Full PDB file with SEQRES, HELIX, SHEET, SSBOND, CRYST1, ORIGX, SCALE, CONECT and MASTER records, all heavy atoms in Angstrom:
SEQRES   1 A   30  ALA THR GLN ALA ARG MET ILE LYS LEU VAL PRO ILE PHE          
SEQRES   2 A   30  LEU ALA ALA SER SER PRO ASN ARG ASP ALA TRP CYS ALA          
SEQRES   3 A   30  THR HIS HIS GLY                                              
HELIX    1 AA1 THR A    2  ILE A    7  1                                   6    
HELIX    2 AA2 PRO A   11  PHE A   13  5                                   3    
HELIX    3 AA3 ALA A   15  SER A   17  5                                   3    
HELIX    4 AA4 ARG A   21  HIS A   28  1                                   8    
CRYST1    1.000    1.000    1.000  90.00  90.00  90.00 P 1           1          
ORIGX1      1.000000  0.000000  0.000000        0.00000                         
ORIGX2      0.000000  1.000000  0.000000        0.00000                         
ORIGX3      0.000000  0.000000  1.000000        0.00000                         
SCALE1      1.000000  0.000000  0.000000        0.00000                         
SCALE2      0.000000  1.000000  0.000000        0.00000                         
SCALE3      0.000000  0.000000  1.000000        0.00000                         
ATOM      1  N   ALA A   1     216.991 168.145 105.414  1.00  0.00           N  
ATOM      2  CA  ALA A   1     217.955 168.869 104.585  1.00  0.00           C  
ATOM      3  C   ALA A   1     217.303 170.071 103.907  1.00  0.00           C  
ATOM      4  O   ALA A   1     217.927 171.132 103.768  1.00  0.00           O  
ATOM      5  CB  ALA A   1     218.566 167.934 103.546  1.00  0.00           C  
ATOM      6  N   THR A   2     216.053 169.924 103.479  1.00  0.00           N  
ATOM      7  CA  THR A   2     215.334 171.042 102.866  1.00  0.00           C  
ATOM      8  C   THR A   2     215.139 172.176 103.863  1.00  0.00           C  
ATOM      9  O   THR A   2     215.314 173.355 103.538  1.00  0.00           O  
ATOM     10  CB  THR A   2     213.962 170.577 102.332  1.00  0.00           C  
ATOM     11  OG1 THR A   2     214.173 169.604 101.310  1.00  0.00           O  
ATOM     12  CG2 THR A   2     213.181 171.747 101.748  1.00  0.00           C  
ATOM     13  N   GLN A   3     214.792 171.829 105.103  1.00  0.00           N  
ATOM     14  CA  GLN A   3     214.665 172.846 106.140  1.00  0.00           C  
ATOM     15  C   GLN A   3     215.988 173.593 106.322  1.00  0.00           C  
ATOM     16  O   GLN A   3     216.019 174.822 106.454  1.00  0.00           O  
ATOM     17  CB  GLN A   3     214.253 172.202 107.467  1.00  0.00           C  
ATOM     18  CG  GLN A   3     212.933 171.461 107.463  1.00  0.00           C  
ATOM     19  CD  GLN A   3     211.741 172.386 107.353  1.00  0.00           C  
ATOM     20  OE1 GLN A   3     211.517 173.241 108.199  1.00  0.00           O  
ATOM     21  NE2 GLN A   3     210.978 172.226 106.296  1.00  0.00           N  
ATOM     22  N   ALA A   4     217.091 172.838 106.322  1.00  0.00           N  
ATOM     23  CA  ALA A   4     218.410 173.457 106.511  1.00  0.00           C  
ATOM     24  C   ALA A   4     218.722 174.433 105.383  1.00  0.00           C  
ATOM     25  O   ALA A   4     219.227 175.541 105.622  1.00  0.00           O  
ATOM     26  CB  ALA A   4     219.485 172.370 106.584  1.00  0.00           C  
ATOM     27  N   ARG A   5     218.419 174.031 104.156  1.00  0.00           N  
ATOM     28  CA  ARG A   5     218.697 174.917 103.026  1.00  0.00           C  
ATOM     29  C   ARG A   5     217.846 176.182 103.091  1.00  0.00           C  
ATOM     30  O   ARG A   5     218.305 177.272 102.718  1.00  0.00           O  
ATOM     31  CB  ARG A   5     218.475 174.167 101.716  1.00  0.00           C  
ATOM     32  CG  ARG A   5     219.561 173.125 101.421  1.00  0.00           C  
ATOM     33  CD  ARG A   5     219.431 172.558 100.033  1.00  0.00           C  
ATOM     34  NE  ARG A   5     218.320 171.639  99.908  1.00  0.00           N  
ATOM     35  CZ  ARG A   5     218.400 170.326 100.113  1.00  0.00           C  
ATOM     36  NH1 ARG A   5     219.564 169.780 100.455  1.00  0.00           N  
ATOM     37  NH2 ARG A   5     217.334 169.550  99.971  1.00  0.00           N  
ATOM     38  N   MET A   6     216.617 176.066 103.578  1.00  0.00           N  
ATOM     39  CA  MET A   6     215.768 177.245 103.720  1.00  0.00           C  
ATOM     40  C   MET A   6     216.297 178.169 104.813  1.00  0.00           C  
ATOM     41  O   MET A   6     216.266 179.398 104.681  1.00  0.00           O  
ATOM     42  CB  MET A   6     214.329 176.816 104.009  1.00  0.00           C  
ATOM     43  CG  MET A   6     213.661 176.102 102.858  1.00  0.00           C  
ATOM     44  SD  MET A   6     211.960 175.580 103.221  1.00  0.00           S  
ATOM     45  CE  MET A   6     211.131 177.155 103.227  1.00  0.00           C  
ATOM     46  N   ILE A   7     216.782 177.583 105.902  1.00  0.00           N  
ATOM     47  CA  ILE A   7     217.334 178.381 106.988  1.00  0.00           C  
ATOM     48  C   ILE A   7     218.513 179.216 106.493  1.00  0.00           C  
ATOM     49  O   ILE A   7     218.691 180.368 106.877  1.00  0.00           O  
ATOM     50  CB  ILE A   7     217.756 177.463 108.157  1.00  0.00           C  
ATOM     51  CG1 ILE A   7     216.511 176.908 108.862  1.00  0.00           C  
ATOM     52  CG2 ILE A   7     218.650 178.198 109.156  1.00  0.00           C  
ATOM     53  CD1 ILE A   7     216.794 175.755 109.808  1.00  0.00           C  
ATOM     54  N   LYS A   8     219.300 178.639 105.613  1.00  0.00           N  
ATOM     55  CA  LYS A   8     220.482 179.340 105.103  1.00  0.00           C  
ATOM     56  C   LYS A   8     220.131 180.497 104.167  1.00  0.00           C  
ATOM     57  O   LYS A   8     221.024 181.240 103.743  1.00  0.00           O  
ATOM     58  CB  LYS A   8     221.410 178.352 104.393  1.00  0.00           C  
ATOM     59  CG  LYS A   8     222.038 177.327 105.339  1.00  0.00           C  
ATOM     60  CD  LYS A   8     223.107 176.509 104.660  1.00  0.00           C  
ATOM     61  CE  LYS A   8     224.362 177.345 104.431  1.00  0.00           C  
ATOM     62  NZ  LYS A   8     225.475 176.525 103.892  1.00  0.00           N  
ATOM     63  N   LEU A   9     218.842 180.669 103.852  1.00  0.00           N  
ATOM     64  CA  LEU A   9     218.410 181.789 103.027  1.00  0.00           C  
ATOM     65  C   LEU A   9     218.122 183.049 103.838  1.00  0.00           C  
ATOM     66  O   LEU A   9     217.936 184.123 103.276  1.00  0.00           O  
ATOM     67  CB  LEU A   9     217.143 181.404 102.249  1.00  0.00           C  
ATOM     68  CG  LEU A   9     217.275 180.283 101.215  1.00  0.00           C  
ATOM     69  CD1 LEU A   9     215.912 179.966 100.618  1.00  0.00           C  
ATOM     70  CD2 LEU A   9     218.269 180.636 100.132  1.00  0.00           C  
ATOM     71  N   VAL A  10     218.053 182.917 105.164  1.00  0.00           N  
ATOM     72  CA  VAL A  10     217.673 184.046 106.010  1.00  0.00           C  
ATOM     73  C   VAL A  10     218.893 184.931 106.283  1.00  0.00           C  
ATOM     74  O   VAL A  10     219.867 184.465 106.859  1.00  0.00           O  
ATOM     75  CB  VAL A  10     217.076 183.555 107.338  1.00  0.00           C  
ATOM     76  CG1 VAL A  10     216.608 184.735 108.183  1.00  0.00           C  
ATOM     77  CG2 VAL A  10     215.917 182.597 107.077  1.00  0.00           C  
ATOM     78  N   PRO A  11     218.858 186.209 105.889  1.00  0.00           N  
ATOM     79  CA  PRO A  11     220.035 187.073 106.048  1.00  0.00           C  
ATOM     80  C   PRO A  11     220.576 187.159 107.468  1.00  0.00           C  
ATOM     81  O   PRO A  11     221.795 187.177 107.669  1.00  0.00           O  
ATOM     82  CB  PRO A  11     219.535 188.436 105.548  1.00  0.00           C  
ATOM     83  CG  PRO A  11     218.467 188.099 104.553  1.00  0.00           C  
ATOM     84  CD  PRO A  11     217.785 186.882 105.119  1.00  0.00           C  
ATOM     85  N   ILE A  12     219.707 187.230 108.472  1.00  0.00           N  
ATOM     86  CA  ILE A  12     220.219 187.376 109.837  1.00  0.00           C  
ATOM     87  C   ILE A  12     220.843 186.095 110.365  1.00  0.00           C  
ATOM     88  O   ILE A  12     221.430 186.094 111.444  1.00  0.00           O  
ATOM     89  CB  ILE A  12     219.123 187.861 110.819  1.00  0.00           C  
ATOM     90  CG1 ILE A  12     218.035 186.798 110.999  1.00  0.00           C  
ATOM     91  CG2 ILE A  12     218.553 189.187 110.393  1.00  0.00           C  
ATOM     92  CD1 ILE A  12     217.104 187.108 112.143  1.00  0.00           C  
ATOM     93  N   PHE A  13     220.721 185.014 109.621  1.00  0.00           N  
ATOM     94  CA  PHE A  13     221.365 183.773 110.017  1.00  0.00           C  
ATOM     95  C   PHE A  13     222.777 183.642 109.433  1.00  0.00           C  
ATOM     96  O   PHE A  13     223.473 182.670 109.721  1.00  0.00           O  
ATOM     97  CB  PHE A  13     220.534 182.565 109.581  1.00  0.00           C  
ATOM     98  CG  PHE A  13     219.217 182.428 110.300  1.00  0.00           C  
ATOM     99  CD1 PHE A  13     218.211 181.632 109.779  1.00  0.00           C  
ATOM    100  CD2 PHE A  13     218.975 183.082 111.496  1.00  0.00           C  
ATOM    101  CE1 PHE A  13     216.998 181.493 110.437  1.00  0.00           C  
ATOM    102  CE2 PHE A  13     217.765 182.957 112.160  1.00  0.00           C  
ATOM    103  CZ  PHE A  13     216.773 182.152 111.621  1.00  0.00           C  
ATOM    104  N   LEU A  14     223.186 184.583 108.617  1.00  0.00           N  
ATOM    105  CA  LEU A  14     224.491 184.516 107.980  1.00  0.00           C  
ATOM    106  C   LEU A  14     225.542 185.236 108.807  1.00  0.00           C  
ATOM    107  O   LEU A  14     225.244 186.153 109.584  1.00  0.00           O  
ATOM    108  CB  LEU A  14     224.424 185.110 106.580  1.00  0.00           C  
ATOM    109  CG  LEU A  14     223.403 184.445 105.640  1.00  0.00           C  
ATOM    110  CD1 LEU A  14     223.414 185.129 104.285  1.00  0.00           C  
ATOM    111  CD2 LEU A  14     223.678 182.950 105.500  1.00  0.00           C  
ATOM    112  N   ALA A  15     226.799 184.844 108.623  1.00  0.00           N  
ATOM    113  CA  ALA A  15     227.888 185.378 109.440  1.00  0.00           C  
ATOM    114  C   ALA A  15     228.003 186.888 109.334  1.00  0.00           C  
ATOM    115  O   ALA A  15     228.406 187.555 110.292  1.00  0.00           O  
ATOM    116  CB  ALA A  15     229.204 184.721 109.036  1.00  0.00           C  
ATOM    117  N   ALA A  16     227.636 187.436 108.178  1.00  0.00           N  
ATOM    118  CA  ALA A  16     227.762 188.880 107.979  1.00  0.00           C  
ATOM    119  C   ALA A  16     226.941 189.682 108.974  1.00  0.00           C  
ATOM    120  O   ALA A  16     227.232 190.853 109.232  1.00  0.00           O  
ATOM    121  CB  ALA A  16     227.348 189.249 106.556  1.00  0.00           C  
ATOM    122  N   SER A  17     225.921 189.059 109.573  1.00  0.00           N  
ATOM    123  CA  SER A  17     225.081 189.778 110.532  1.00  0.00           C  
ATOM    124  C   SER A  17     225.706 189.809 111.925  1.00  0.00           C  
ATOM    125  O   SER A  17     225.189 190.472 112.816  1.00  0.00           O  
ATOM    126  CB  SER A  17     223.691 189.136 110.606  1.00  0.00           C  
ATOM    127  OG  SER A  17     223.750 187.870 111.225  1.00  0.00           O  
ATOM    128  N   SER A  18     226.812 189.073 112.118  1.00  0.00           N  
ATOM    129  CA  SER A  18     227.488 189.036 113.422  1.00  0.00           C  
ATOM    130  C   SER A  18     228.990 189.216 113.239  1.00  0.00           C  
ATOM    131  O   SER A  18     229.779 188.330 113.571  1.00  0.00           O  
ATOM    132  CB  SER A  18     227.193 187.702 114.125  1.00  0.00           C  
ATOM    133  OG  SER A  18     225.820 187.509 114.336  1.00  0.00           O  
ATOM    134  N   PRO A  19     229.422 190.360 112.708  1.00  0.00           N  
ATOM    135  CA  PRO A  19     230.842 190.531 112.370  1.00  0.00           C  
ATOM    136  C   PRO A  19     231.785 190.489 113.559  1.00  0.00           C  
ATOM    137  O   PRO A  19     232.966 190.182 113.403  1.00  0.00           O  
ATOM    138  CB  PRO A  19     230.870 191.903 111.681  1.00  0.00           C  
ATOM    139  CG  PRO A  19     229.672 192.623 112.227  1.00  0.00           C  
ATOM    140  CD  PRO A  19     228.627 191.562 112.403  1.00  0.00           C  
ATOM    141  N   ASN A  20     231.298 190.792 114.763  1.00  0.00           N  
ATOM    142  CA  ASN A  20     232.161 190.834 115.946  1.00  0.00           C  
ATOM    143  C   ASN A  20     231.984 189.615 116.846  1.00  0.00           C  
ATOM    144  O   ASN A  20     232.420 189.617 117.993  1.00  0.00           O  
ATOM    145  CB  ASN A  20     231.888 192.108 116.743  1.00  0.00           C  
ATOM    146  CG  ASN A  20     232.140 193.357 115.925  1.00  0.00           C  
ATOM    147  OD1 ASN A  20     233.124 193.438 115.205  1.00  0.00           O  
ATOM    148  ND2 ASN A  20     231.232 194.320 116.028  1.00  0.00           N  
ATOM    149  N   ARG A  21     231.373 188.582 116.288  1.00  0.00           N  
ATOM    150  CA  ARG A  21     231.029 187.418 117.099  1.00  0.00           C  
ATOM    151  C   ARG A  21     232.247 186.780 117.768  1.00  0.00           C  
ATOM    152  O   ARG A  21     232.252 186.550 118.984  1.00  0.00           O  
ATOM    153  CB  ARG A  21     230.318 186.392 116.224  1.00  0.00           C  
ATOM    154  CG  ARG A  21     230.065 185.060 116.908  1.00  0.00           C  
ATOM    155  CD  ARG A  21     229.373 184.081 115.979  1.00  0.00           C  
ATOM    156  NE  ARG A  21     229.204 182.786 116.600  1.00  0.00           N  
ATOM    157  CZ  ARG A  21     228.663 181.729 115.997  1.00  0.00           C  
ATOM    158  NH1 ARG A  21     228.235 181.849 114.752  1.00  0.00           N  
ATOM    159  NH2 ARG A  21     228.547 180.591 116.632  1.00  0.00           N  
ATOM    160  N   ASP A  22     233.292 186.476 117.015  1.00  0.00           N  
ATOM    161  CA  ASP A  22     234.437 185.769 117.581  1.00  0.00           C  
ATOM    162  C   ASP A  22     235.212 186.650 118.561  1.00  0.00           C  
ATOM    163  O   ASP A  22     235.691 186.150 119.596  1.00  0.00           O  
ATOM    164  CB  ASP A  22     235.340 185.272 116.458  1.00  0.00           C  
ATOM    165  CG  ASP A  22     234.703 184.155 115.642  1.00  0.00           C  
ATOM    166  OD1 ASP A  22     233.827 183.465 116.195  1.00  0.00           O  
ATOM    167  OD2 ASP A  22     235.056 183.994 114.471  1.00  0.00           O  
ATOM    168  N   ALA A  23     235.334 187.927 118.254  1.00  0.00           N  
ATOM    169  CA  ALA A  23     236.028 188.842 119.170  1.00  0.00           C  
ATOM    170  C   ALA A  23     235.271 188.956 120.486  1.00  0.00           C  
ATOM    171  O   ALA A  23     235.862 189.008 121.572  1.00  0.00           O  
ATOM    172  CB  ALA A  23     236.190 190.211 118.518  1.00  0.00           C  
ATOM    173  N   TRP A  24     233.948 189.007 120.399  1.00  0.00           N  
ATOM    174  CA  TRP A  24     233.125 189.080 121.606  1.00  0.00           C  
ATOM    175  C   TRP A  24     233.309 187.814 122.440  1.00  0.00           C  
ATOM    176  O   TRP A  24     233.514 187.890 123.667  1.00  0.00           O  
ATOM    177  CB  TRP A  24     231.662 189.247 121.211  1.00  0.00           C  
ATOM    178  CG  TRP A  24     230.705 189.270 122.367  1.00  0.00           C  
ATOM    179  CD1 TRP A  24     230.101 188.188 122.945  1.00  0.00           C  
ATOM    180  CD2 TRP A  24     230.252 190.410 123.107  1.00  0.00           C  
ATOM    181  NE1 TRP A  24     229.284 188.587 123.982  1.00  0.00           N  
ATOM    182  CE2 TRP A  24     229.373 189.941 124.103  1.00  0.00           C  
ATOM    183  CE3 TRP A  24     230.501 191.777 122.997  1.00  0.00           C  
ATOM    184  CZ2 TRP A  24     228.734 190.808 124.993  1.00  0.00           C  
ATOM    185  CZ3 TRP A  24     229.876 192.629 123.893  1.00  0.00           C  
ATOM    186  CH2 TRP A  24     229.006 192.148 124.862  1.00  0.00           C  
ATOM    187  N   CYS A  25     233.239 186.681 121.801  1.00  0.00           N  
ATOM    188  CA  CYS A  25     233.363 185.414 122.517  1.00  0.00           C  
ATOM    189  C   CYS A  25     234.698 185.304 123.223  1.00  0.00           C  
ATOM    190  O   CYS A  25     234.787 184.778 124.333  1.00  0.00           O  
ATOM    191  CB  CYS A  25     233.187 184.243 121.560  1.00  0.00           C  
ATOM    192  SG  CYS A  25     233.364 182.629 122.340  1.00  0.00           S  
ATOM    193  N   ALA A  26     235.748 185.821 122.609  1.00  0.00           N  
ATOM    194  CA  ALA A  26     237.092 185.702 123.178  1.00  0.00           C  
ATOM    195  C   ALA A  26     237.193 186.298 124.579  1.00  0.00           C  
ATOM    196  O   ALA A  26     238.005 185.863 125.396  1.00  0.00           O  
ATOM    197  CB  ALA A  26     238.100 186.377 122.249  1.00  0.00           C  
ATOM    198  N   THR A  27     236.321 187.271 124.879  1.00  0.00           N  
ATOM    199  CA  THR A  27     236.388 187.899 126.199  1.00  0.00           C  
ATOM    200  C   THR A  27     235.145 187.669 127.056  1.00  0.00           C  
ATOM    201  O   THR A  27     235.130 188.050 128.224  1.00  0.00           O  
ATOM    202  CB  THR A  27     236.581 189.428 126.039  1.00  0.00           C  
ATOM    203  OG1 THR A  27     235.538 189.963 125.219  1.00  0.00           O  
ATOM    204  CG2 THR A  27     237.927 189.725 125.391  1.00  0.00           C  
ATOM    205  N   HIS A  28     234.107 187.036 126.483  1.00  0.00           N  
ATOM    206  CA  HIS A  28     232.848 186.909 127.236  1.00  0.00           C  
ATOM    207  C   HIS A  28     232.321 185.473 127.366  1.00  0.00           C  
ATOM    208  O   HIS A  28     231.258 185.279 127.944  1.00  0.00           O  
ATOM    209  CB  HIS A  28     231.745 187.735 126.557  1.00  0.00           C  
ATOM    210  CG  HIS A  28     231.957 189.209 126.596  1.00  0.00           C  
ATOM    211  ND1 HIS A  28     232.734 189.877 125.666  1.00  0.00           N  
ATOM    212  CD2 HIS A  28     231.504 190.164 127.450  1.00  0.00           C  
ATOM    213  CE1 HIS A  28     232.738 191.158 125.931  1.00  0.00           C  
ATOM    214  NE2 HIS A  28     232.019 191.365 127.011  1.00  0.00           N  
ATOM    215  N   HIS A  29     233.030 184.493 126.856  1.00  0.00           N  
ATOM    216  CA  HIS A  29     232.421 183.151 126.798  1.00  0.00           C  
ATOM    217  C   HIS A  29     232.140 182.552 128.154  1.00  0.00           C  
ATOM    218  O   HIS A  29     231.282 181.685 128.286  1.00  0.00           O  
ATOM    219  CB  HIS A  29     233.284 182.198 125.970  1.00  0.00           C  
ATOM    220  CG  HIS A  29     234.695 182.080 126.425  1.00  0.00           C  
ATOM    221  ND1 HIS A  29     235.061 181.397 127.559  1.00  0.00           N  
ATOM    222  CD2 HIS A  29     235.841 182.564 125.887  1.00  0.00           C  
ATOM    223  CE1 HIS A  29     236.372 181.456 127.702  1.00  0.00           C  
ATOM    224  NE2 HIS A  29     236.878 182.163 126.705  1.00  0.00           N  
ATOM    225  N   GLY A  30     232.836 182.956 129.196  1.00  0.00           N  
ATOM    226  CA  GLY A  30     232.508 182.524 130.555  1.00  0.00           C  
ATOM    227  C   GLY A  30     232.858 181.093 130.876  1.00  0.00           C  
ATOM    228  O   GLY A  30     233.012 180.275 130.031  1.00  0.00           O  
TER     229      GLY A  30                                                      
MASTER        0    0    0    4    0    0    0    6  228    1    0    3          
END                                                                             
């Protein structure tokens, strides 16, 4: 659990770093 909480501190791991993620998946998930 401590590892998980530390991971959530990394900015590139947050949703804001992938704003087009769901739109991309909708046409590329394969």
